[in-house]
Structures are given as structure tokens and as C-alpha cells.
Amino acid sequence: MLAVTCVGGNVDARQVERNTRAVLELAGRGDLEVALGDERPLVRPVETTPETHGPQGLGYAELPPATRPLSQRHAVDVWLDLVRSRPGEITLVTLGPVTNLARALEREPDLPRLLGRWVLMGGAYRIPGNTAPTTEWNIHCDPEAASIAFAAAWPRRPIALGLDVTEKAKITPDHVVALARRAGSTPDDSIALSRGEDPMHASRSVASNAIVRYIADALRFYMEFHSRYDGFYGAFIHDPLAVAAALDPSLIRTEALTVDVELAGTLTTGETVTDWRRVWGREPNLDVAVEADADEFLRRFVERVGGLAEQVANVAL
């Protein structure tokens, strides 16, 4: 990791940068530069969704303010300086609306050539949306930016992980218990209690490891959301799957497709319109993920994040 840049998503951009700096310090990576980008979409008003991840974006988790200040540079300046210094080497992973990417393309038309690869979490290519019937949240929030980014001349097609595969990455309370065990932590039973597994339990067991405790507190809110709206007690961890696929593309199978973004639909603005039958006769512009090895991803998630939690705890000792 070279830097983390921020944009509004589930919460406003300023809250995102505060959360990002705090989480990185928790994970032992307070050395990374964190920069804020644009605070509103290109055209549309800001939208947030506090009902999904809580008013602060971290569910029930509470973290102390970060000690390292926010970078004085804009996110686009960070990106352009990095890719110009290391052309063809850097993978950009976007996990929210792509407003900053659209701004960067305006500033540097050669950005697609300077980047090694772009991997995005966004879109719903062959399944219903999660924001409107046909739209996914990240594209919905700034469809104009997505349209610009999808239309750019990428020498290597971007890899797009939409809801088609990210909703396969469903984390459950059992995974959180396994994570605690891998970290050498006492488990945090708040998730099980919230699900109603042990209503007679007199007191809540809090995880002894700070990273495990943070994950349990953050996920508990998200699992309660899915329990109310989707009929299961667990959570789709869309973004970690996209990061994992950027590190190891063998976790997914992709199909080269032509995708555009609807900007003026009465009911479908923000839809990632995908030419599955090749009727447009246009060259594919995205490698869309159509399958994911969710079991292997979740195994690695427990192993890698649990191992990190153990490592950070040992350093603290």
C-alpha cells in the first residue's frame, strides 16, 4: 500500500477520512498518507446511508482519533504523483464512488496508461441492485463519474466486481469467532447475543484483541441491517473481496464485456447497462467478475486479518 484516498460513500467524505486514519492506526499502518478528494459528486447532491453502517460509518465501533494528520494534498495530486513516478506499476482499487478518478482523468488523460490496473467495487451487471431495482450504491452516488471512467481508453481493461460476486462474500458470526481464534483473542460474543442465540447470558464477553473487537462492533450493526432487510444474520463484505481480487485475480473469473452507465433514466439512472449479447458491436471495456471463490476468500480473510491482529497485539506488548 502506498496511500489511501477518500471520497464520500456510506458517510460524508470528511467522516470517511477520519475513519480511515483511525482504522489504519489500529492496524499498525499509521505511516500511510491519507488524502481527501472531492467532497461531493460531479453533478448530483451528496447521498449517504447511515442506516447501513451507522451515523459514523463504523457501526457500533468507536476508535480514538488518529494522531497522524490528514494529508494537505488532494487525492488526485497523490495519485498523479505516484503513477508518474512509477508508471505501469501501481494498481488502483476503488471501493466507493469514482468521483476522484473522474477528476484525475480530467487532469491527466494518460492516467490509464500510467496505471498498472484499475480494480473497482461497483455495479450490478446481471442481478438486481441494492439501492434501486437496477442500481448499486457506488455507481448510483456518482453515475457521471462512472460513465467517464468506463469510457476512458484503458490499455488493460479494468476489473469490475459488482454485486454479482460481492454478495457471495457473506461473513457470519462463525467467521468472526474463527477470526478471534486465529488472532489468539477471546471471542467477542456481542454478535451472537444480538442474534438472540443466548438471551440468558448475563454479561457480554468483549474480545481481548482490539482489531477483533473493532471488527465485531462494526459488523454487528451491518448484520442487524441485513437481518432486517435481507432475511439473514450476516454481512456482505463487498470491499475486502475487491481488494483480495486485486492481490490475486485467480479468486475470480471474469468476462470481457461492454458496459455503459445510464444517466437519464426515469427509473434506472445509475444502472450499469451491460451488453451480454454483444448487440452494440463495441469493444469490451471492462472485465466483469462473474464468479468468485467465496469460500477461499473468507478463509484467507480470517487467516490474513487474524494474523494481522495477532501481530499488532504482539507489537503492542
Protein backbone atom coordinates (compact mmCIF):
# COMPACT_ATOMS: atom_id res chain seq x y z
CA MET A 1 0.00 0.00 0.00
CA LEU A 2 1.28 3.41 -0.97
CA ALA A 3 -1.56 5.71 0.12
CA VAL A 4 -5.28 5.76 0.89
CA THR A 5 -7.52 8.41 -0.60
CA CYS A 6 -11.05 9.24 0.46
CA VAL A 7 -14.41 10.09 -1.07
CA GLY A 8 -17.93 10.21 0.36
CA GLY A 9 -19.81 6.93 0.43
CA ASN A 10 -21.83 5.48 3.28
CA VAL A 11 -20.97 8.65 5.21
CA ASP A 12 -19.68 12.05 4.10
CA ALA A 13 -16.10 12.39 2.87
CA ARG A 14 -14.83 14.17 5.99
CA GLN A 15 -16.07 11.34 8.19
CA VAL A 16 -14.52 8.84 5.79
CA GLU A 17 -11.07 10.37 6.15
CA ARG A 18 -11.34 10.43 9.95
CA ASN A 19 -12.40 6.79 9.97
CA THR A 20 -9.66 5.82 7.53
CA ARG A 21 -6.89 7.37 9.59
CA ALA A 22 -8.21 5.79 12.79
CA VAL A 23 -8.53 2.31 11.26
CA LEU A 24 -5.06 2.47 9.72
CA GLU A 25 -3.55 3.37 13.08
CA LEU A 26 -5.44 0.49 14.70
CA ALA A 27 -3.94 -1.82 12.06
CA GLY A 28 -0.41 -0.55 12.65
CA ARG A 29 -0.24 1.41 9.37
CA GLY A 30 -0.40 4.96 10.61
CA ASP A 31 2.58 5.64 8.35
CA LEU A 32 0.41 5.72 5.23
CA GLU A 33 -0.59 9.03 3.71
CA VAL A 34 -4.36 9.59 3.82
CA ALA A 35 -5.70 12.26 1.48
CA LEU A 36 -9.16 13.67 0.94
CA GLY A 37 -10.56 14.05 -2.55
CA ASP A 38 -13.72 15.72 -3.78
CA GLU A 39 -16.42 16.02 -1.12
CA ARG A 40 -19.40 15.85 -3.50
CA PRO A 41 -20.28 14.04 -6.73
CA LEU A 42 -19.57 15.67 -10.08
CA VAL A 43 -23.18 16.75 -10.68
CA ARG A 44 -25.56 15.32 -8.10
CA PRO A 45 -26.09 16.13 -4.43
CA VAL A 46 -24.32 14.13 -1.74
CA GLU A 47 -26.11 10.99 -0.57
CA THR A 48 -25.21 8.90 2.48
CA THR A 49 -26.69 5.78 4.06
CA PRO A 50 -26.32 5.87 7.86
CA GLU A 51 -28.91 3.10 8.21
CA THR A 52 -26.44 0.61 6.71
CA HIS A 53 -23.24 1.27 8.69
CA GLY A 54 -24.32 3.73 11.36
CA PRO A 55 -24.11 7.53 11.59
CA GLN A 56 -20.30 7.45 11.82
CA GLY A 57 -19.84 4.70 9.25
CA LEU A 58 -18.24 2.24 11.69
CA GLY A 59 -21.36 0.56 13.07
CA TYR A 60 -21.09 0.27 16.85
CA ALA A 61 -17.31 0.57 16.83
CA GLU A 62 -15.60 3.51 18.50
CA LEU A 63 -11.97 4.36 17.79
CA PRO A 64 -9.76 7.09 19.23
CA PRO A 65 -8.92 9.93 16.84
CA ALA A 66 -5.83 9.30 14.75
CA THR A 67 -2.61 11.01 15.73
CA ARG A 68 -1.31 11.46 12.16
CA PRO A 69 -2.99 14.41 10.46
CA LEU A 70 -4.77 14.33 7.14
CA SER A 71 -2.53 14.99 4.15
CA GLN A 72 -2.52 18.54 2.85
CA ARG A 73 -2.62 17.19 -0.69
CA HIS A 74 -5.77 16.45 -2.70
CA ALA A 75 -6.36 12.79 -3.53
CA VAL A 76 -5.84 13.43 -7.25
CA ASP A 77 -2.42 15.00 -6.62
CA VAL A 78 -1.42 11.93 -4.60
CA TRP A 79 -2.50 9.58 -7.40
CA LEU A 80 -0.83 11.53 -10.19
CA ASP A 81 2.47 11.93 -8.34
CA LEU A 82 2.58 8.19 -7.60
CA VAL A 83 1.72 6.93 -11.08
CA ARG A 84 4.09 9.36 -12.78
CA SER A 85 6.94 8.21 -10.54
CA ARG A 86 6.16 4.50 -11.07
CA PRO A 87 4.48 4.17 -14.47
CA GLY A 88 2.77 0.85 -15.10
CA GLU A 89 3.45 -0.49 -11.59
CA ILE A 90 0.52 0.68 -9.46
CA THR A 91 -2.89 -0.94 -9.05
CA LEU A 92 -5.69 1.45 -8.14
CA VAL A 93 -8.51 -0.09 -6.12
CA THR A 94 -11.68 1.98 -5.79
CA LEU A 95 -14.21 0.98 -3.13
CA GLY A 96 -16.66 3.86 -3.35
CA PRO A 97 -17.98 6.32 -5.94
CA VAL A 98 -15.30 7.09 -8.53
CA THR A 99 -15.52 10.88 -8.37
CA ASN A 100 -11.79 11.25 -7.70
CA LEU A 101 -10.94 9.00 -10.64
CA ALA A 102 -13.04 11.12 -12.99
CA ARG A 103 -11.25 14.23 -11.73
CA ALA A 104 -7.88 12.55 -12.21
CA LEU A 105 -8.77 11.59 -15.80
CA GLU A 106 -9.67 15.23 -16.50
CA ARG A 107 -6.28 16.33 -15.19
CA GLU A 108 -4.21 13.56 -16.77
CA PRO A 109 -5.64 11.89 -19.88
CA ASP A 110 -2.65 9.49 -19.84
CA LEU A 111 -3.68 8.08 -16.45
CA PRO A 112 -4.96 4.77 -17.90
CA ARG A 113 -1.56 4.17 -19.48
CA LEU A 114 0.34 5.21 -16.34
CA LEU A 115 -1.65 2.87 -14.08
CA GLY A 116 -0.89 -0.82 -14.00
CA ARG A 117 -4.54 -1.78 -13.43
CA TRP A 118 -7.79 -0.42 -12.06
CA VAL A 119 -9.92 -2.73 -9.89
CA LEU A 120 -13.31 -1.42 -8.80
CA MET A 121 -16.07 -2.49 -6.47
CA GLY A 122 -19.21 -1.22 -8.13
CA GLY A 123 -22.15 -2.06 -10.34
CA ALA A 124 -24.75 -4.77 -10.73
CA TYR A 125 -24.20 -6.42 -14.08
CA ARG A 126 -26.62 -9.35 -14.19
CA ILE A 127 -28.55 -9.14 -10.92
CA PRO A 128 -30.80 -6.59 -9.16
CA GLY A 129 -29.31 -3.56 -7.49
CA ASN A 130 -29.08 -2.80 -3.78
CA THR A 131 -30.02 0.89 -3.96
CA ALA A 132 -32.73 0.95 -6.63
CA PRO A 133 -34.10 -2.04 -8.56
CA THR A 134 -31.25 -1.94 -11.08
CA THR A 135 -28.52 0.15 -9.42
CA GLU A 136 -25.68 -0.46 -6.98
CA TRP A 137 -24.73 2.18 -4.40
CA ASN A 138 -21.23 3.20 -5.57
CA ILE A 139 -22.37 3.81 -9.15
CA HIS A 140 -25.68 5.33 -8.02
CA CYS A 141 -23.96 8.04 -5.98
CA ASP A 142 -21.97 9.43 -8.92
CA PRO A 143 -23.04 7.85 -12.22
CA GLU A 144 -21.48 10.67 -14.26
CA ALA A 145 -18.06 9.87 -12.77
CA ALA A 146 -18.51 6.16 -13.50
CA SER A 147 -19.52 6.94 -17.08
CA ILE A 148 -16.35 8.99 -17.60
CA ALA A 149 -14.15 6.30 -16.04
CA PHE A 150 -15.71 3.43 -18.01
CA ALA A 151 -15.30 5.36 -21.28
CA ALA A 152 -11.58 6.09 -20.79
CA ALA A 153 -9.03 4.39 -23.07
CA TRP A 154 -7.67 1.70 -20.74
CA PRO A 155 -4.81 -0.35 -22.27
CA ARG A 156 -5.75 -3.12 -19.80
CA ARG A 157 -9.45 -3.47 -19.15
CA PRO A 158 -10.43 -2.58 -15.57
CA ILE A 159 -11.63 -5.45 -13.38
CA ALA A 160 -15.14 -4.78 -12.07
CA LEU A 161 -16.54 -6.64 -9.07
CA GLY A 162 -20.24 -5.93 -8.81
CA LEU A 163 -22.97 -7.30 -6.61
CA ASP A 164 -23.00 -10.39 -8.86
CA VAL A 165 -19.95 -11.68 -6.96
CA THR A 166 -19.53 -9.47 -3.89
CA GLU A 167 -22.82 -10.74 -2.44
CA LYS A 168 -21.22 -14.19 -2.40
CA ALA A 169 -18.77 -12.89 0.21
CA LYS A 170 -21.08 -13.31 3.18
CA ILE A 171 -19.42 -13.17 6.58
CA THR A 172 -21.22 -14.81 9.51
CA PRO A 173 -20.79 -14.86 13.29
CA ASP A 174 -18.87 -18.14 12.92
CA HIS A 175 -16.28 -16.37 10.76
CA VAL A 176 -15.86 -13.71 13.45
CA VAL A 177 -15.29 -16.43 16.07
CA ALA A 178 -12.70 -18.06 13.78
CA LEU A 179 -11.04 -14.67 13.33
CA ALA A 180 -10.75 -14.25 17.10
CA ARG A 181 -9.23 -17.71 17.47
CA ARG A 182 -6.68 -17.02 14.72
CA ALA A 183 -5.72 -13.78 16.49
CA GLY A 184 -5.29 -15.57 19.82
CA SER A 185 -8.10 -13.45 21.23
CA THR A 186 -11.01 -14.26 23.45
CA PRO A 187 -14.11 -14.19 21.23
CA ASP A 188 -16.49 -11.27 21.24
CA ASP A 189 -19.97 -12.73 21.77
CA SER A 190 -21.86 -9.50 21.08
CA ILE A 191 -22.81 -10.70 17.60
CA ALA A 192 -24.26 -13.95 18.89
CA LEU A 193 -26.13 -12.13 21.65
CA SER A 194 -27.54 -9.63 19.17
CA ARG A 195 -28.77 -12.52 17.06
CA GLY A 196 -30.55 -13.91 20.11
CA GLU A 197 -28.52 -17.10 20.48
CA ASP A 198 -28.10 -16.80 24.25
CA PRO A 199 -30.66 -14.45 25.78
CA MET A 200 -29.90 -15.71 29.30
CA HIS A 201 -26.25 -14.69 29.05
CA ALA A 202 -25.74 -12.21 31.86
CA SER A 203 -22.73 -10.30 30.57
CA ARG A 204 -21.12 -9.66 27.24
CA SER A 205 -17.68 -11.11 26.56
CA VAL A 206 -15.57 -8.50 24.82
CA ALA A 207 -12.72 -9.59 22.55
CA SER A 208 -9.31 -9.09 24.14
CA ASN A 209 -7.77 -8.09 20.80
CA ALA A 210 -8.53 -4.53 19.71
CA ILE A 211 -8.76 -5.34 15.99
CA VAL A 212 -11.12 -8.27 16.59
CA ARG A 213 -13.22 -6.08 18.90
CA TYR A 214 -13.41 -3.36 16.24
CA ILE A 215 -14.47 -5.82 13.53
CA ALA A 216 -17.12 -7.39 15.78
CA ASP A 217 -18.56 -4.00 16.74
CA ALA A 218 -18.55 -2.72 13.17
CA LEU A 219 -20.07 -5.88 11.72
CA ARG A 220 -22.76 -6.25 14.36
CA PHE A 221 -24.54 -3.12 13.09
CA TYR A 222 -24.25 -4.30 9.48
CA MET A 223 -25.51 -7.80 10.35
CA GLU A 224 -28.52 -6.31 12.09
CA PHE A 225 -29.21 -4.29 8.91
CA HIS A 226 -29.16 -7.43 6.76
CA SER A 227 -31.30 -9.26 9.30
CA ARG A 228 -33.97 -6.55 8.99
CA TYR A 229 -33.90 -6.12 5.21
CA ASP A 230 -32.46 -9.30 3.67
CA GLY A 231 -33.58 -12.10 5.96
CA PHE A 232 -30.17 -13.38 7.10
CA TYR A 233 -27.89 -12.60 10.02
CA GLY A 234 -24.56 -11.88 8.41
CA ALA A 235 -22.99 -9.27 6.18
CA PHE A 236 -21.81 -8.88 2.61
CA ILE A 237 -18.19 -7.71 2.80
CA HIS A 238 -18.03 -6.36 -0.73
CA ASP A 239 -14.89 -4.23 -0.44
CA PRO A 240 -12.47 -6.80 1.03
CA LEU A 241 -13.31 -9.16 -1.83
CA ALA A 242 -12.35 -6.46 -4.35
CA VAL A 243 -9.04 -5.88 -2.55
CA ALA A 244 -8.39 -9.64 -2.43
CA ALA A 245 -9.07 -9.94 -6.17
CA ALA A 246 -6.65 -7.09 -6.85
CA LEU A 247 -3.99 -9.03 -4.96
CA ASP A 248 -4.90 -12.39 -6.53
CA PRO A 249 -7.14 -12.31 -9.62
CA SER A 250 -7.39 -16.12 -9.56
CA LEU A 251 -10.07 -15.69 -6.87
CA ILE A 252 -12.50 -14.56 -9.56
CA ARG A 253 -13.48 -15.45 -13.11
CA THR A 254 -14.19 -12.52 -15.41
CA GLU A 255 -15.84 -11.96 -18.76
CA ALA A 256 -14.85 -9.20 -21.16
CA LEU A 257 -17.96 -7.06 -21.68
CA THR A 258 -19.09 -3.68 -22.90
CA VAL A 259 -20.65 -1.65 -20.09
CA ASP A 260 -22.13 1.83 -20.05
CA VAL A 261 -23.88 3.80 -17.30
CA GLU A 262 -27.44 5.11 -17.60
CA LEU A 263 -27.52 8.83 -16.82
CA ALA A 264 -31.03 9.93 -17.77
CA GLY A 265 -33.37 7.06 -16.95
CA THR A 266 -36.67 7.76 -15.26
CA LEU A 267 -36.25 4.64 -13.09
CA THR A 268 -32.77 3.39 -13.96
CA THR A 269 -30.26 6.23 -13.53
CA GLY A 270 -27.01 4.68 -12.35
CA GLU A 271 -27.65 1.27 -13.89
CA THR A 272 -24.55 -0.45 -15.29
CA VAL A 273 -26.03 -1.40 -18.65
CA THR A 274 -24.16 -4.50 -19.83
CA ASP A 275 -24.12 -5.82 -23.40
CA TRP A 276 -24.29 -9.55 -22.66
CA ARG A 277 -25.48 -10.40 -26.20
CA ARG A 278 -22.91 -8.15 -27.92
CA VAL A 279 -25.62 -6.29 -29.83
CA TRP A 280 -23.80 -2.93 -29.65
CA GLY A 281 -20.84 -4.20 -31.66
CA ARG A 282 -18.46 -2.22 -29.43
CA GLU A 283 -15.17 -3.44 -27.98
CA PRO A 284 -15.38 -4.67 -24.37
CA ASN A 285 -14.28 -2.04 -21.88
CA LEU A 286 -14.48 -4.00 -18.57
CA ASP A 287 -13.52 -7.43 -17.29
CA VAL A 288 -16.64 -8.10 -15.24
CA ALA A 289 -16.37 -10.68 -12.46
CA VAL A 290 -18.98 -13.40 -12.97
CA GLU A 291 -17.77 -15.94 -10.39
CA ALA A 292 -15.81 -15.76 -7.14
CA ASP A 293 -14.32 -18.39 -4.85
CA ALA A 294 -16.04 -17.00 -1.78
CA ASP A 295 -15.03 -19.88 0.50
CA GLU A 296 -11.34 -19.41 -0.27
CA PHE A 297 -11.66 -15.65 0.07
CA LEU A 298 -13.25 -15.98 3.52
CA ARG A 299 -10.60 -18.49 4.59
CA ARG A 300 -7.91 -16.02 3.59
CA PHE A 301 -9.77 -13.14 5.24
CA VAL A 302 -9.76 -14.99 8.56
CA GLU A 303 -6.12 -16.01 8.15
CA ARG A 304 -4.74 -12.65 6.99
CA VAL A 305 -6.77 -10.33 9.20
CA GLY A 306 -6.49 -12.66 12.18
CA GLY A 307 -2.75 -12.87 11.63
CA LEU A 308 -2.51 -9.08 11.43
CA ALA A 309 -4.49 -8.74 14.65
CA GLU A 310 -2.14 -11.16 16.41
CA GLN A 311 0.92 -9.35 15.05
CA VAL A 312 -0.27 -5.90 16.09
CA ALA A 313 -1.17 -7.17 19.56
CA ASN A 314 2.30 -8.67 19.97
CA VAL A 315 3.95 -5.42 18.91
CA ALA A 316 1.83 -3.55 21.47
CA LEU A 317 3.10 -5.87 24.19
